[in-house]
């Protein structure tokens, strides 16, 4: 059967509710927009170091500089997504990101290096995470955690590309490799936008569509939409934002430095191939446990179990700091996959559960602002500490402590009263 959505286009439901296709499209978005430049960022940084010989602070600082645009524009991106829709944001963002990757493949100095990474980051920020999550939040209020886990899992699946990217760099050079990734990005934008860009119906119409499918037959849920101003007045908004920022400090650091830690002689001292395999193990573990986290998040209290997995993420960092052989590195990869994997979709789904659908983009964008600033700072700080001490141990222990703090702050994220009750 088919149903009309508010844009006039027909969305086929039948046995599969259309929202699941939106989630899959969001996952494909994340594979392209975050895989090569986030999951595989440290492999590209190693290639840059080998060619130019710049310091770790300069090389990894580009991740900080590049994320500045995403942090600064986070609230604006959310507002634009709510105003113009996911489709237009994806097309524009992927065009900018693809052009940035092609520019990156032709750089010859640090100024070009920073400018190219800024363009890449800006494009993928505009067309990547925020519009994908806003779309799935609108389409899947009844299965929010697992649907968001599918989208976020796309970022993890992007890590599967790491061995291929390492192979491409070793056999064809980092310039040709990033040029091809740029072309793939330009080609991927329009089809992803076509699927994910369809506007979700109003809530009552949406739940009527859900009830007609054989896989999503659920009772209507109470749905309350907070405005951005109303969300900012709640303790839950700040508790979730602070906790998410503290846990993501280590995510930003690892995206820039993990390949160095795994291959440095004074650390784990693995070969490039073995390090890529560890990153693949970590990726598979993250993806699997993100799906588990989504399943659990739709069935039990997220706030109750989140501290456990946030602490496990911090413990994984301590294991990495002490790792000096392959098997300890495997242990880190598995622990990180469990902790980071489970907690990620739950934190995002809490926002949708608490604040609704209508203004989710701008609310997520406001939450992403402190997250982006934190992830902007940690790569360059960790790089500077390494340049001064020759070790990542102190930085990893500090980042683990931030996770311990986050395990406490998330406990304050109780569900706020509805907007009408607050007036």
Protein backbone atom coordinates (compact mmCIF):
# COMPACT_ATOMS: atom_id res chain seq x y z
CA UNK A 1 0.00 0.00 0.00
CA UNK A 2 1.02 3.64 -0.35
CA UNK A 3 0.36 6.71 1.77
CA UNK A 4 0.62 10.41 1.01
CA UNK A 5 3.01 12.47 3.11
CA UNK A 6 2.70 16.26 3.59
CA UNK A 7 5.05 16.98 0.67
CA UNK A 8 2.72 15.23 -1.74
CA UNK A 9 5.07 12.31 -2.43
CA UNK A 10 4.01 8.72 -1.80
CA UNK A 11 5.76 6.62 0.81
CA UNK A 12 5.34 2.86 0.48
CA UNK A 13 4.58 1.18 3.78
CA UNK A 14 3.19 -2.34 3.42
CA UNK A 15 5.31 -4.69 5.46
CA UNK A 16 8.12 -2.19 6.11
CA UNK A 17 7.34 1.19 7.62
CA UNK A 18 9.00 4.01 5.67
CA UNK A 19 10.78 5.31 8.76
CA UNK A 20 13.09 2.29 8.67
CA UNK A 21 14.27 3.34 5.20
CA UNK A 22 14.95 6.81 6.58
CA UNK A 23 17.10 5.18 9.30
CA UNK A 24 19.02 3.15 6.71
CA UNK A 25 19.59 6.25 4.58
CA UNK A 26 20.87 8.04 7.69
CA UNK A 27 23.28 5.17 8.30
CA UNK A 28 24.59 5.43 4.74
CA UNK A 29 24.99 9.15 5.30
CA UNK A 30 27.15 8.48 8.34
CA UNK A 31 29.26 5.87 6.54
CA UNK A 32 30.25 8.50 3.97
CA UNK A 33 30.32 11.62 6.13
CA UNK A 34 32.12 10.28 9.19
CA UNK A 35 33.90 7.08 8.14
CA UNK A 36 36.89 8.39 6.16
CA UNK A 37 37.36 11.66 8.03
CA UNK A 38 36.47 10.56 11.58
CA UNK A 39 36.99 6.83 11.97
CA UNK A 40 39.99 6.87 9.61
CA UNK A 41 41.23 10.36 10.48
CA UNK A 42 44.31 9.14 12.35
CA UNK A 43 45.41 6.98 9.39
CA UNK A 44 45.38 10.07 7.16
CA UNK A 45 47.22 12.01 9.86
CA UNK A 46 49.97 9.37 9.90
CA UNK A 47 50.36 9.75 6.12
CA UNK A 48 50.57 13.54 6.48
CA UNK A 49 53.23 13.17 9.19
CA UNK A 50 55.27 10.82 7.01
CA UNK A 51 55.23 13.24 4.06
CA UNK A 52 55.59 16.64 5.73
CA UNK A 53 57.16 15.87 9.12
CA UNK A 54 54.97 18.35 11.00
CA UNK A 55 54.48 18.08 14.78
CA UNK A 56 51.64 16.03 16.24
CA UNK A 57 49.99 19.19 17.58
CA UNK A 58 49.93 20.74 14.09
CA UNK A 59 48.79 17.55 12.35
CA UNK A 60 46.05 16.54 14.77
CA UNK A 61 45.11 20.14 15.53
CA UNK A 62 43.48 20.26 12.13
CA UNK A 63 40.71 18.08 13.54
CA UNK A 64 40.11 20.72 16.20
CA UNK A 65 40.21 23.54 13.71
CA UNK A 66 37.95 21.69 11.31
CA UNK A 67 35.34 21.00 14.00
CA UNK A 68 35.17 24.68 14.92
CA UNK A 69 32.71 25.29 12.09
CA UNK A 70 30.52 22.43 13.19
CA UNK A 71 30.51 23.63 16.79
CA UNK A 72 29.89 27.25 15.89
CA UNK A 73 27.11 26.46 13.43
CA UNK A 74 25.46 23.62 15.37
CA UNK A 75 22.37 25.58 16.49
CA UNK A 76 22.07 27.17 13.03
CA UNK A 77 22.31 23.77 11.35
CA UNK A 78 19.52 22.52 13.57
CA UNK A 79 17.33 25.50 12.76
CA UNK A 80 18.01 25.14 9.02
CA UNK A 81 17.17 21.44 9.19
CA UNK A 82 13.88 22.16 10.96
CA UNK A 83 13.13 24.94 8.46
CA UNK A 84 14.22 23.45 5.09
CA UNK A 85 14.33 19.72 5.72
CA UNK A 86 16.95 16.99 5.73
CA UNK A 87 17.12 16.53 1.95
CA UNK A 88 18.34 20.03 1.10
CA UNK A 89 20.85 19.96 3.93
CA UNK A 90 22.34 16.65 2.76
CA UNK A 91 22.69 17.78 -0.87
CA UNK A 92 24.39 21.04 0.13
CA UNK A 93 26.59 19.46 2.78
CA UNK A 94 27.83 16.57 0.64
CA UNK A 95 28.65 18.95 -2.23
CA UNK A 96 30.79 21.06 0.12
CA UNK A 97 32.37 18.03 1.81
CA UNK A 98 33.20 16.32 -1.48
CA UNK A 99 34.78 19.48 -2.86
CA UNK A 100 36.79 19.80 0.35
CA UNK A 101 38.16 16.26 0.01
CA UNK A 102 39.26 16.94 -3.55
CA UNK A 103 40.97 20.13 -2.37
CA UNK A 104 42.56 18.14 0.48
CA UNK A 105 44.08 15.72 -2.03
CA UNK A 106 45.99 18.58 -3.67
CA UNK A 107 47.35 20.41 -0.58
CA UNK A 108 51.03 21.32 -0.19
CA UNK A 109 51.27 23.36 3.01
CA UNK A 110 49.79 23.77 6.48
CA UNK A 111 47.48 26.64 5.51
CA UNK A 112 45.93 24.61 2.71
CA UNK A 113 45.77 21.64 5.07
CA UNK A 114 43.75 23.54 7.64
CA UNK A 115 41.53 25.23 5.05
CA UNK A 116 40.72 21.92 3.34
CA UNK A 117 39.85 20.17 6.59
CA UNK A 118 37.67 23.09 7.62
CA UNK A 119 35.71 22.82 4.36
CA UNK A 120 35.34 19.04 4.77
CA UNK A 121 34.19 19.39 8.36
CA UNK A 122 31.77 22.18 7.52
CA UNK A 123 30.19 20.23 4.67
CA UNK A 124 29.75 17.01 6.60
CA UNK A 125 28.47 18.94 9.60
CA UNK A 126 25.82 20.65 7.47
CA UNK A 127 24.73 17.50 5.68
CA UNK A 128 25.62 14.72 8.10
CA UNK A 129 24.69 13.99 11.68
CA UNK A 130 22.14 16.65 12.68
CA UNK A 131 19.85 16.32 9.62
CA UNK A 132 20.04 12.52 9.73
CA UNK A 133 19.10 12.36 13.40
CA UNK A 134 16.34 14.95 12.98
CA UNK A 135 14.80 12.90 10.18
CA UNK A 136 14.80 9.63 12.08
CA UNK A 137 13.52 11.31 15.24
CA UNK A 138 10.56 12.64 13.26
CA UNK A 139 9.76 9.34 11.54
CA UNK A 140 10.41 6.88 14.40
CA UNK A 141 9.06 8.16 17.76
CA UNK A 142 7.80 4.65 18.55
CA UNK A 143 11.19 2.98 17.97
CA UNK A 144 13.42 5.98 18.57
CA UNK A 145 16.43 4.37 20.28
CA UNK A 146 16.92 1.51 17.83
CA UNK A 147 16.33 3.77 14.81
CA UNK A 148 18.89 6.25 16.09
CA UNK A 149 21.24 3.35 16.78
CA UNK A 150 21.00 2.38 13.11
CA UNK A 151 21.95 5.92 12.04
CA UNK A 152 24.79 6.18 14.53
CA UNK A 153 25.88 2.66 13.58
CA UNK A 154 26.60 3.97 10.11
CA UNK A 155 29.44 6.00 11.57
CA UNK A 156 30.82 2.85 13.15
CA UNK A 157 30.46 0.91 9.91
CA UNK A 158 32.55 3.64 8.33
CA UNK A 159 35.38 2.18 10.38
CA UNK A 160 35.17 -0.94 8.22
CA UNK A 161 36.67 1.26 5.51
CA UNK A 162 39.84 1.80 7.56
CA UNK A 163 41.74 -1.27 6.25
CA UNK A 164 40.75 -0.31 2.69
CA UNK A 165 41.90 3.27 3.24
CA UNK A 166 45.19 2.06 4.74
CA UNK A 167 45.61 -0.20 1.71
CA UNK A 168 44.83 2.69 -0.64
CA UNK A 169 47.33 4.97 1.12
CA UNK A 170 50.07 2.31 1.10
CA UNK A 171 49.54 1.34 -2.54
CA UNK A 172 48.33 4.52 -4.25
CA UNK A 173 49.16 7.34 -1.83
CA UNK A 174 46.96 9.46 0.38
CA UNK A 175 46.31 12.01 -2.38
CA UNK A 176 44.68 9.59 -4.81
CA UNK A 177 42.82 7.92 -1.94
CA UNK A 178 41.22 11.12 -0.67
CA UNK A 179 40.45 12.24 -4.25
CA UNK A 180 38.43 9.05 -4.84
CA UNK A 181 36.64 9.48 -1.50
CA UNK A 182 35.71 13.01 -2.59
CA UNK A 183 34.16 11.72 -5.83
CA UNK A 184 32.20 9.07 -3.91
CA UNK A 185 30.90 11.78 -1.58
CA UNK A 186 29.65 13.93 -4.47
CA UNK A 187 27.84 10.96 -5.98
CA UNK A 188 26.31 9.76 -2.69
CA UNK A 189 24.59 12.99 -1.65
CA UNK A 190 21.52 13.07 -3.97
CA UNK A 191 20.29 9.47 -3.44
CA UNK A 192 20.69 9.72 0.34
CA UNK A 193 18.83 13.04 0.30
CA UNK A 194 16.01 11.55 -1.79
CA UNK A 195 15.26 8.81 0.77
CA UNK A 196 15.94 10.67 4.02
CA UNK A 197 14.50 13.99 2.86
CA UNK A 198 10.82 13.05 2.77
CA UNK A 199 8.94 14.99 5.45
CA UNK A 200 7.34 12.94 8.20
CA UNK A 201 3.56 13.31 8.61
CA UNK A 202 1.98 14.94 11.62
CA UNK A 203 2.13 12.74 14.69
CA UNK A 204 -1.45 11.40 14.52
CA UNK A 205 -1.12 10.58 10.81
CA UNK A 206 2.27 9.01 11.41
CA UNK A 207 0.96 6.70 14.11
CA UNK A 208 -1.94 5.75 11.84
CA UNK A 209 0.62 4.65 9.23
CA UNK A 210 2.54 2.74 11.88
CA UNK A 211 -0.58 0.85 12.94
CA UNK A 212 -1.08 -0.40 9.36
CA UNK A 213 2.31 -2.10 9.18
CA UNK A 214 2.94 -5.61 10.39
CA UNK A 215 6.29 -4.85 12.00
CA UNK A 216 5.47 -1.66 13.89
CA UNK A 217 2.07 -2.30 15.44
CA UNK A 218 2.35 -0.27 18.63
CA UNK A 219 0.06 1.86 20.74
CA UNK A 220 0.26 5.65 20.24
CA UNK A 221 2.71 7.33 22.60
CA UNK A 222 2.32 10.56 24.53
CA UNK A 223 4.21 13.18 22.53
CA UNK A 224 5.12 16.67 23.77
CA UNK A 225 7.14 19.10 21.67
CA UNK A 226 9.38 21.55 23.52
CA UNK A 227 10.61 24.70 21.82
CA UNK A 228 14.33 25.38 22.03
CA UNK A 229 13.71 28.07 24.65
CA UNK A 230 11.64 25.70 26.76
CA UNK A 231 14.26 22.95 26.51
CA UNK A 232 17.01 25.32 27.66
CA UNK A 233 15.08 25.94 30.87
CA UNK A 234 15.11 22.27 31.87
CA UNK A 235 17.68 20.51 34.02
CA UNK A 236 17.49 17.52 31.69
CA UNK A 237 18.82 19.50 28.71
CA UNK A 238 21.91 20.60 30.60
CA UNK A 239 22.50 17.25 32.25
CA UNK A 240 22.38 15.42 28.92
CA UNK A 241 24.50 18.06 27.18
CA UNK A 242 27.19 18.12 29.87
CA UNK A 243 27.33 14.33 30.12
CA UNK A 244 27.49 13.93 26.36
CA UNK A 245 30.23 16.54 26.07
CA UNK A 246 32.36 14.90 28.77
CA UNK A 247 32.06 11.45 27.18
CA UNK A 248 32.82 12.79 23.71
CA UNK A 249 36.08 14.46 24.75
CA UNK A 250 37.74 11.05 24.47
CA UNK A 251 35.97 10.33 21.18
CA UNK A 252 37.50 13.43 19.63
CA UNK A 253 40.93 12.56 20.98
CA UNK A 254 40.84 8.95 19.80
CA UNK A 255 39.66 9.88 16.31
CA UNK A 256 42.86 11.90 15.89
CA UNK A 257 45.38 9.85 17.89
CA UNK A 258 44.34 6.19 18.07
CA UNK A 259 46.45 5.09 15.09
CA UNK A 260 49.49 6.82 16.58
CA UNK A 261 48.99 5.14 19.97
CA UNK A 262 48.66 1.74 18.33
CA UNK A 263 51.73 2.11 16.10
CA UNK A 264 54.19 4.23 18.14
CA UNK A 265 57.28 2.33 19.30
CA UNK A 266 56.90 3.58 22.88
CA UNK A 267 53.24 2.53 23.05
CA UNK A 268 51.55 -0.59 21.62
CA UNK A 269 54.03 -0.74 18.72
CA UNK A 270 51.89 -2.56 16.16
CA UNK A 271 52.37 -2.65 12.40
CA UNK A 272 50.04 -0.54 10.25
CA UNK A 273 48.12 -3.66 9.25
CA UNK A 274 47.71 -4.89 12.83
CA UNK A 275 46.62 -1.44 13.98
CA UNK A 276 44.04 -1.31 11.19
CA UNK A 277 42.77 -4.71 12.34
CA UNK A 278 42.38 -3.44 15.92
CA UNK A 279 40.39 -0.50 14.59
CA UNK A 280 38.24 -2.91 12.60
CA UNK A 281 37.58 -5.00 15.73
CA UNK A 282 36.66 -1.81 17.59
CA UNK A 283 34.34 -0.80 14.76
CA UNK A 284 32.51 -4.12 14.66
CA UNK A 285 32.13 -4.10 18.46
CA UNK A 286 30.81 -0.54 18.46
CA UNK A 287 28.28 -1.30 15.74
CA UNK A 288 27.03 -4.47 17.40
CA UNK A 289 26.62 -2.85 20.79
CA UNK A 290 25.03 0.27 19.32
CA UNK A 291 22.27 -2.02 18.03
CA UNK A 292 22.03 -3.61 21.48
CA UNK A 293 21.94 -0.16 23.07
CA UNK A 294 19.09 0.86 20.78
CA UNK A 295 17.15 -2.31 21.59
CA UNK A 296 17.63 -1.82 25.33
CA UNK A 297 16.88 1.90 25.14
CA UNK A 298 13.40 1.26 23.77
CA UNK A 299 12.59 -1.12 26.62
CA UNK A 300 14.24 -0.01 29.87
CA UNK A 301 15.14 3.22 31.63
CA UNK A 302 18.05 4.82 29.80
CA UNK A 303 19.08 6.98 32.74
CA UNK A 304 19.37 3.91 34.98
CA UNK A 305 21.87 1.97 32.88
CA UNK A 306 23.78 4.78 31.14
CA UNK A 307 26.26 5.29 34.02
CA UNK A 308 27.42 1.66 33.72
CA UNK A 309 28.38 1.96 30.08
CA UNK A 310 29.86 5.44 30.44
CA UNK A 311 32.15 4.05 33.15
CA UNK A 312 33.07 1.13 30.90
CA UNK A 313 34.08 3.60 28.19
CA UNK A 314 36.39 5.29 30.71
CA UNK A 315 37.85 1.94 31.81
CA UNK A 316 38.67 1.15 28.18
CA UNK A 317 40.80 4.31 28.03
CA UNK A 318 42.79 3.15 31.06
CA UNK A 319 43.39 -0.21 29.36
CA UNK A 320 44.61 1.58 26.23
CA UNK A 321 46.98 3.71 28.30
CA UNK A 322 48.60 0.55 29.72
CA UNK A 323 48.49 -1.55 26.55
CA UNK A 324 51.88 -2.73 25.29
CA UNK A 325 50.87 -5.70 23.14
CA UNK A 326 48.30 -6.85 20.61
CA UNK A 327 45.97 -8.63 23.03
CA UNK A 328 45.65 -5.71 25.43
CA UNK A 329 44.82 -3.59 22.40
CA UNK A 330 42.10 -6.12 21.50
CA UNK A 331 40.78 -5.85 25.07
CA UNK A 332 40.61 -2.08 24.73
CA UNK A 333 38.78 -2.36 21.39
CA UNK A 334 36.13 -4.67 22.84
CA UNK A 335 35.61 -2.64 26.02
CA UNK A 336 35.38 0.60 24.08
CA UNK A 337 32.95 -1.01 21.67
CA UNK A 338 30.65 -2.07 24.52
CA UNK A 339 30.80 1.16 26.54
CA UNK A 340 30.77 3.70 23.74
CA UNK A 341 28.47 1.58 21.60
CA UNK A 342 25.65 1.17 24.11
CA UNK A 343 25.67 4.67 25.59
CA UNK A 344 25.66 6.61 22.28
CA UNK A 345 22.15 5.89 20.93
CA UNK A 346 20.68 6.11 24.42
CA UNK A 347 21.93 9.66 24.99
CA UNK A 348 20.52 10.83 21.68
CA UNK A 349 17.23 9.01 22.13
CA UNK A 350 16.77 10.67 25.53
CA UNK A 351 16.60 14.05 23.79
CA UNK A 352 13.84 12.84 21.52
CA UNK A 353 11.97 11.18 24.39
CA UNK A 354 12.16 14.33 26.51
CA UNK A 355 11.77 17.14 23.96
CA UNK A 356 9.73 15.71 21.07
CA UNK A 357 9.90 15.96 17.27
CA UNK A 358 9.03 19.44 16.04
CA UNK A 359 12.13 21.33 17.20
CA UNK A 360 14.52 18.42 17.61
CA UNK A 361 17.02 19.71 15.04
CA UNK A 362 17.73 22.99 16.80
CA UNK A 363 17.70 21.33 20.25
CA UNK A 364 20.25 18.77 19.05
CA UNK A 365 22.26 21.56 17.44
CA UNK A 366 22.38 23.50 20.71
CA UNK A 367 23.54 20.36 22.52
CA UNK A 368 26.16 19.81 19.82
CA UNK A 369 27.68 23.25 20.43
CA UNK A 370 29.50 22.39 23.70
CA UNK A 371 30.21 18.91 22.33
CA UNK A 372 31.84 20.38 19.25
CA UNK A 373 33.92 22.79 21.32
CA UNK A 374 35.13 19.94 23.51
CA UNK A 375 35.97 17.71 20.58
CA UNK A 376 37.69 20.68 18.98
CA UNK A 377 39.97 21.18 21.96
CA UNK A 378 41.02 17.65 22.88
CA UNK A 379 42.92 16.58 19.73
CA UNK A 380 45.27 19.58 19.82
CA UNK A 381 45.69 19.45 23.63
CA UNK A 382 46.47 15.75 23.55
CA UNK A 383 48.85 16.34 20.64
CA UNK A 384 50.64 19.11 22.55
CA UNK A 385 50.95 16.90 25.64
CA UNK A 386 52.45 14.17 23.48
CA UNK A 387 54.92 16.60 21.91
CA UNK A 388 56.01 17.67 25.41
CA UNK A 389 56.08 14.25 27.11
CA UNK A 390 56.34 11.67 24.33
CA UNK A 391 53.37 9.74 25.77
CA UNK A 392 49.58 9.56 25.68
CA UNK A 393 49.24 7.98 29.14
CA UNK A 394 48.41 11.14 31.11
CA UNK A 395 45.90 12.29 28.52
CA UNK A 396 44.13 8.92 28.45
CA UNK A 397 43.85 8.83 32.24
CA UNK A 398 42.44 12.37 32.26
CA UNK A 399 39.87 11.53 29.61
CA UNK A 400 38.85 8.47 31.65
CA UNK A 401 38.24 10.74 34.65
CA UNK A 402 35.90 12.89 32.54
CA UNK A 403 33.88 9.76 31.76
CA UNK A 404 33.60 9.06 35.49
CA UNK A 405 32.21 12.57 36.03
CA UNK A 406 29.73 12.07 33.18
CA UNK A 407 28.45 8.88 34.83
CA UNK A 408 27.36 11.09 37.73
CA UNK A 409 25.98 14.07 35.81
CA UNK A 410 23.67 11.91 33.67
CA UNK A 411 21.81 10.87 36.81
CA UNK A 412 20.36 14.40 37.00
CA UNK A 413 18.63 13.99 33.60
CA UNK A 414 15.15 13.27 34.91
CA UNK A 415 12.30 13.69 32.44
CA UNK A 416 10.99 17.28 32.50
CA UNK A 417 7.35 18.15 32.93
CA UNK A 418 5.46 18.91 29.71
CA UNK A 419 5.58 22.45 28.28
CA UNK A 420 1.94 23.12 29.24
CA UNK A 421 2.59 22.06 32.81
CA UNK A 422 5.60 24.38 32.97
CA UNK A 423 3.65 27.48 31.95
